[in-house]
Amino acid sequence: MIKTLYEEIQARKKEPKEGSYTNYLFDQGLDKILKKVGEETTEVIIAAKNNQEELITETSDLIYHMLVLLAEKDVSLEAIKNELQKREGKLSKTKERKQIDEL
């Protein structure tokens, strides 16, 4: 599903369709796309404190906008998959991470 959506987003980038929200984002440029990613991220955080239905809706919005960002920056899903595979099975040592109040 995510791959199909990403391919549709890439197709819109190559062949714009009048009235398309995806093309609106591409036309507005990177700053607009980043603003939307930031807005959607905040909405996911708020939704996580509310209810599951809202969290699902807002997470879907965030994933869509992240895919638009990846397409804008010509980052493939394969590159993301490869990065995640490099991390697979590795233990993260919490003592090496900063505490949340130190970020």
Protein backbone atom coordinates (compact mmCIF):
# COMPACT_ATOMS: atom_id res chain seq x y z
CA MET A 1 0.00 0.00 0.00
CA ILE A 2 2.74 2.49 0.93
CA LYS A 3 4.75 1.53 -2.14
CA THR A 4 1.72 2.07 -4.38
CA LEU A 5 1.01 5.46 -2.82
CA TYR A 6 4.67 6.47 -3.23
CA GLU A 7 4.57 5.44 -6.89
CA GLU A 8 1.43 7.54 -7.40
CA ILE A 9 3.13 10.52 -5.78
CA GLN A 10 6.17 10.07 -8.02
CA ALA A 11 3.90 9.84 -11.06
CA ARG A 12 2.24 13.15 -10.11
CA LYS A 13 5.66 14.74 -9.80
CA LYS A 14 6.55 13.59 -13.33
CA GLU A 15 3.13 14.19 -14.86
CA PRO A 16 1.22 16.86 -12.93
CA LYS A 17 -2.54 16.63 -12.78
CA GLU A 18 -4.54 19.84 -12.53
CA GLY A 19 -6.26 20.26 -9.17
CA SER A 20 -4.07 17.65 -7.47
CA TYR A 21 -3.15 18.37 -3.85
CA THR A 22 0.09 16.45 -4.39
CA ASN A 23 0.98 18.76 -7.27
CA TYR A 24 0.03 21.75 -5.16
CA LEU A 25 2.63 20.65 -2.62
CA PHE A 26 5.29 20.11 -5.31
CA ASP A 27 4.46 23.50 -6.86
CA GLN A 28 4.78 25.24 -3.49
CA GLY A 29 8.16 23.63 -2.94
CA LEU A 30 10.22 22.16 -0.15
CA ASP A 31 9.34 24.74 2.51
CA LYS A 32 5.60 24.03 2.15
CA ILE A 33 6.18 20.27 2.22
CA LEU A 34 8.33 20.60 5.35
CA LYS A 35 5.69 22.78 6.99
CA LYS A 36 3.05 20.14 6.32
CA VAL A 37 5.30 17.36 7.69
CA GLY A 38 5.79 19.43 10.84
CA GLU A 39 2.07 20.13 11.22
CA GLU A 40 1.16 16.49 10.72
CA THR A 41 3.82 15.36 13.19
CA THR A 42 2.36 17.64 15.84
CA GLU A 43 -1.13 16.36 15.06
CA VAL A 44 0.05 12.74 15.52
CA ILE A 45 1.46 13.63 18.94
CA ILE A 46 -1.81 15.25 20.00
CA ALA A 47 -3.89 12.41 18.56
CA ALA A 48 -1.84 9.84 20.49
CA LYS A 49 -3.14 11.45 23.67
CA ASN A 50 -6.72 11.35 22.43
CA ASN A 51 -8.16 8.28 20.74
CA GLN A 52 -7.12 5.51 18.39
CA GLU A 53 -9.28 6.62 15.46
CA GLU A 54 -7.74 10.09 15.49
CA LEU A 55 -4.26 8.58 15.78
CA ILE A 56 -4.88 6.39 12.72
CA THR A 57 -6.14 9.36 10.70
CA GLU A 58 -3.28 11.65 11.63
CA THR A 59 -0.64 8.95 11.16
CA SER A 60 -2.00 8.34 7.68
CA ASP A 61 -1.69 12.05 6.92
CA LEU A 62 1.89 12.08 8.21
CA ILE A 63 2.89 9.06 6.15
CA TYR A 64 1.45 10.67 3.01
CA HIS A 65 3.32 13.92 3.60
CA MET A 66 6.54 12.05 4.40
CA LEU A 67 6.20 10.22 1.09
CA VAL A 68 5.75 13.55 -0.71
CA LEU A 69 8.92 14.77 1.02
CA LEU A 70 10.85 11.67 -0.02
CA ALA A 71 9.67 12.09 -3.62
CA GLU A 72 10.58 15.79 -3.58
CA LYS A 73 14.10 14.94 -2.40
CA ASP A 74 14.40 11.92 -4.75
CA VAL A 75 14.81 9.46 -1.88
CA SER A 76 13.60 6.01 -2.82
CA LEU A 77 11.68 3.65 -0.59
CA GLU A 78 14.47 1.18 -1.36
CA ALA A 79 16.97 3.53 0.32
CA ILE A 80 14.77 3.70 3.43
CA LYS A 81 14.34 -0.08 3.40
CA ASN A 82 18.12 -0.56 3.14
CA GLU A 83 18.73 1.78 6.06
CA LEU A 84 16.19 -0.04 8.20
CA GLN A 85 17.73 -3.39 7.27
CA LYS A 86 21.14 -2.15 8.43
CA ARG A 87 19.59 -1.47 11.83
CA GLU A 88 17.75 -4.77 12.09
CA GLY A 89 18.84 -6.86 15.02
CA LYS A 90 21.05 -4.16 16.52
CA LEU A 91 20.54 -3.34 20.13
CA SER A 92 20.29 0.29 21.08
CA LYS A 93 22.00 0.97 24.36
CA THR A 94 19.84 3.34 26.35
CA LYS A 95 22.77 4.44 28.49
CA GLU A 96 24.36 5.91 25.34
CA ARG A 97 21.31 8.04 24.64
CA LYS A 98 20.61 11.43 26.13
CA GLN A 99 17.76 11.67 28.59
CA ILE A 100 14.65 13.34 27.19
CA ASP A 101 15.18 16.41 29.37
CA GLU A 102 18.71 16.80 27.93
CA LEU A 103 17.57 17.05 24.31
